């Protein structure tokens, strides 16, 4: 099962090989960091929406 997919562009085959190797060697560090960063964005957006709703006296649906 694929949780998400990341595509990158490389300037050369050598750079592409390094990217793949670094991903494979550091997956345990990279994956949680990416998920954390994506979730931070979602949480920030939700908080911003709540603040705007409060400012304009709107209730959340």
N, C-alpha and C. Protein backbone atom coordinates (compact mmCIF):
# COMPACT_ATOMS: atom_id res chain seq x y z
N UNK A 1 0.84 -1.18 0.00
CA UNK A 1 0.00 0.00 0.00
C UNK A 1 0.89 1.24 0.00
N UNK A 2 0.60 2.17 -0.87
CA UNK A 2 1.34 3.42 -0.95
C UNK A 2 0.64 4.47 -0.11
N UNK A 3 1.38 5.05 0.83
CA UNK A 3 0.83 6.11 1.67
C UNK A 3 0.88 7.43 0.91
N UNK A 4 2.01 7.74 0.35
CA UNK A 4 2.16 8.89 -0.52
C UNK A 4 3.38 8.67 -1.38
N UNK A 5 3.49 9.47 -2.43
CA UNK A 5 4.58 9.31 -3.37
C UNK A 5 5.28 10.65 -3.52
N UNK A 6 6.59 10.62 -3.59
CA UNK A 6 7.38 11.82 -3.81
C UNK A 6 8.16 11.65 -5.10
N UNK A 7 8.08 12.64 -5.95
CA UNK A 7 8.86 12.64 -7.17
C UNK A 7 9.84 13.80 -7.10
N UNK A 8 11.06 13.55 -7.52
CA UNK A 8 12.06 14.60 -7.54
C UNK A 8 12.67 14.70 -8.93
N UNK A 9 13.27 15.82 -9.20
CA UNK A 9 14.00 16.01 -10.44
C UNK A 9 15.48 16.10 -10.10
N UNK A 10 16.29 15.50 -10.92
CA UNK A 10 17.73 15.54 -10.72
C UNK A 10 18.38 16.12 -11.98
N UNK A 11 19.48 16.80 -11.78
CA UNK A 11 20.19 17.41 -12.90
C UNK A 11 21.06 16.41 -13.65
N UNK A 12 21.30 15.27 -13.03
CA UNK A 12 22.15 14.26 -13.66
C UNK A 12 21.79 12.88 -13.11
N UNK A 13 22.26 11.87 -13.79
CA UNK A 13 22.05 10.50 -13.30
C UNK A 13 22.74 10.32 -11.96
N UNK A 14 23.92 10.89 -11.82
CA UNK A 14 24.67 10.79 -10.56
C UNK A 14 23.88 11.38 -9.40
N UNK A 15 23.30 12.53 -9.61
CA UNK A 15 22.49 13.16 -8.56
C UNK A 15 21.26 12.30 -8.25
N UNK A 16 20.63 11.73 -9.28
CA UNK A 16 19.47 10.87 -9.08
C UNK A 16 19.83 9.66 -8.23
N UNK A 17 20.96 9.07 -8.50
CA UNK A 17 21.42 7.90 -7.73
C UNK A 17 21.64 8.29 -6.27
N UNK A 18 22.22 9.47 -6.04
CA UNK A 18 22.45 9.94 -4.67
C UNK A 18 21.14 10.17 -3.94
N UNK A 19 20.17 10.75 -4.62
CA UNK A 19 18.86 11.00 -4.00
C UNK A 19 18.23 9.68 -3.58
N UNK A 20 18.24 8.72 -4.48
CA UNK A 20 17.65 7.41 -4.17
C UNK A 20 18.39 6.75 -3.02
N UNK A 21 19.70 6.78 -3.06
CA UNK A 21 20.51 6.15 -2.00
C UNK A 21 20.25 6.83 -0.65
N UNK A 22 20.20 8.15 -0.64
CA UNK A 22 19.95 8.87 0.61
C UNK A 22 18.55 8.56 1.15
N UNK A 23 17.57 8.47 0.26
CA UNK A 23 16.22 8.12 0.70
C UNK A 23 16.23 6.73 1.34
N UNK A 24 16.84 5.78 0.66
CA UNK A 24 16.87 4.40 1.17
C UNK A 24 17.62 4.29 2.49
N UNK A 25 18.70 5.02 2.62
CA UNK A 25 19.52 4.95 3.83
C UNK A 25 18.94 5.75 5.00
N UNK A 26 18.06 6.70 4.71
CA UNK A 26 17.56 7.60 5.75
C UNK A 26 16.04 7.63 5.85
N UNK A 27 15.39 6.60 5.33
CA UNK A 27 13.93 6.58 5.32
C UNK A 27 13.34 6.77 6.71
N UNK A 28 13.92 6.13 7.71
CA UNK A 28 13.38 6.21 9.07
C UNK A 28 13.43 7.63 9.63
N UNK A 29 14.33 8.46 9.15
CA UNK A 29 14.40 9.84 9.58
C UNK A 29 13.59 10.77 8.67
N UNK A 30 13.63 10.50 7.38
CA UNK A 30 12.98 11.38 6.40
C UNK A 30 11.46 11.26 6.47
N UNK A 31 10.94 10.05 6.43
CA UNK A 31 9.50 9.83 6.37
C UNK A 31 8.76 10.51 7.53
N UNK A 32 9.14 10.28 8.79
CA UNK A 32 8.43 10.95 9.89
C UNK A 32 8.52 12.47 9.81
N UNK A 33 9.66 12.98 9.35
CA UNK A 33 9.83 14.43 9.23
C UNK A 33 8.88 15.01 8.18
N UNK A 34 8.74 14.33 7.05
CA UNK A 34 7.83 14.78 6.00
C UNK A 34 6.40 14.78 6.52
N UNK A 35 5.99 13.69 7.17
CA UNK A 35 4.64 13.59 7.72
C UNK A 35 4.40 14.70 8.75
N UNK A 36 5.38 14.93 9.61
CA UNK A 36 5.26 15.99 10.62
C UNK A 36 5.08 17.35 9.96
N UNK A 37 5.88 17.63 8.96
CA UNK A 37 5.80 18.92 8.28
C UNK A 37 4.47 19.08 7.56
N UNK A 38 3.97 18.03 6.94
CA UNK A 38 2.68 18.10 6.26
C UNK A 38 1.56 18.33 7.26
N UNK A 39 1.63 17.68 8.40
CA UNK A 39 0.62 17.85 9.43
C UNK A 39 0.67 19.24 10.05
N UNK A 40 1.86 19.81 10.21
CA UNK A 40 1.98 21.16 10.74
C UNK A 40 1.23 22.14 9.84
N UNK A 41 1.35 21.98 8.56
CA UNK A 41 0.66 22.84 7.60
C UNK A 41 -0.85 22.71 7.78
N UNK A 42 -1.34 21.51 7.93
CA UNK A 42 -2.78 21.28 8.11
C UNK A 42 -3.25 21.91 9.41
N UNK A 43 -2.52 21.71 10.48
CA UNK A 43 -2.89 22.26 11.79
C UNK A 43 -2.89 23.79 11.74
N UNK A 44 -1.88 24.38 11.11
CA UNK A 44 -1.82 25.84 10.98
C UNK A 44 -3.01 26.36 10.20
N UNK A 45 -3.39 25.67 9.11
CA UNK A 45 -4.53 26.09 8.31
C UNK A 45 -5.82 26.00 9.12
N UNK A 46 -5.99 24.92 9.90
CA UNK A 46 -7.18 24.76 10.72
C UNK A 46 -7.27 25.86 11.79
N UNK A 47 -6.13 26.17 12.41
CA UNK A 47 -6.11 27.21 13.43
C UNK A 47 -6.44 28.57 12.82
N UNK A 48 -5.90 28.83 11.64
CA UNK A 48 -6.16 30.09 10.95
C UNK A 48 -7.64 30.21 10.60
N UNK A 49 -8.24 29.13 10.14
CA UNK A 49 -9.66 29.13 9.80
C UNK A 49 -10.51 29.40 11.04
N UNK A 50 -10.17 28.77 12.16
CA UNK A 50 -10.91 28.98 13.40
C UNK A 50 -10.81 30.44 13.84
N UNK A 51 -9.62 31.02 13.73
CA UNK A 51 -9.43 32.42 14.11
C UNK A 51 -10.27 33.34 13.23
N UNK A 52 -10.31 33.06 11.93
CA UNK A 52 -11.11 33.87 11.02
C UNK A 52 -12.59 33.74 11.34
N UNK A 53 -13.03 32.53 11.65
CA UNK A 53 -14.44 32.32 11.98
C UNK A 53 -14.81 33.08 13.25
N UNK A 54 -13.93 33.08 14.23
CA UNK A 54 -14.20 33.79 15.48
C UNK A 54 -14.24 35.29 15.21
N UNK A 55 -13.32 35.76 14.37
CA UNK A 55 -13.24 37.18 14.07
C UNK A 55 -14.53 37.68 13.41
N UNK A 56 -15.14 36.86 12.56
CA UNK A 56 -16.33 37.27 11.84
C UNK A 56 -17.61 36.72 12.46
N UNK A 57 -17.50 36.12 13.65
CA UNK A 57 -18.67 35.61 14.36
C UNK A 57 -19.33 34.44 13.68
N UNK A 58 -18.53 33.66 12.94
CA UNK A 58 -19.08 32.51 12.23
C UNK A 58 -18.84 31.25 13.06
N UNK A 59 -19.75 30.31 12.95
CA UNK A 59 -19.58 29.04 13.64
C UNK A 59 -19.07 28.01 12.66
N UNK A 60 -18.30 27.06 13.19
CA UNK A 60 -17.76 25.97 12.37
C UNK A 60 -18.88 24.99 12.05
N UNK A 61 -18.94 24.53 10.78
CA UNK A 61 -19.95 23.54 10.37
C UNK A 61 -19.49 22.16 10.67
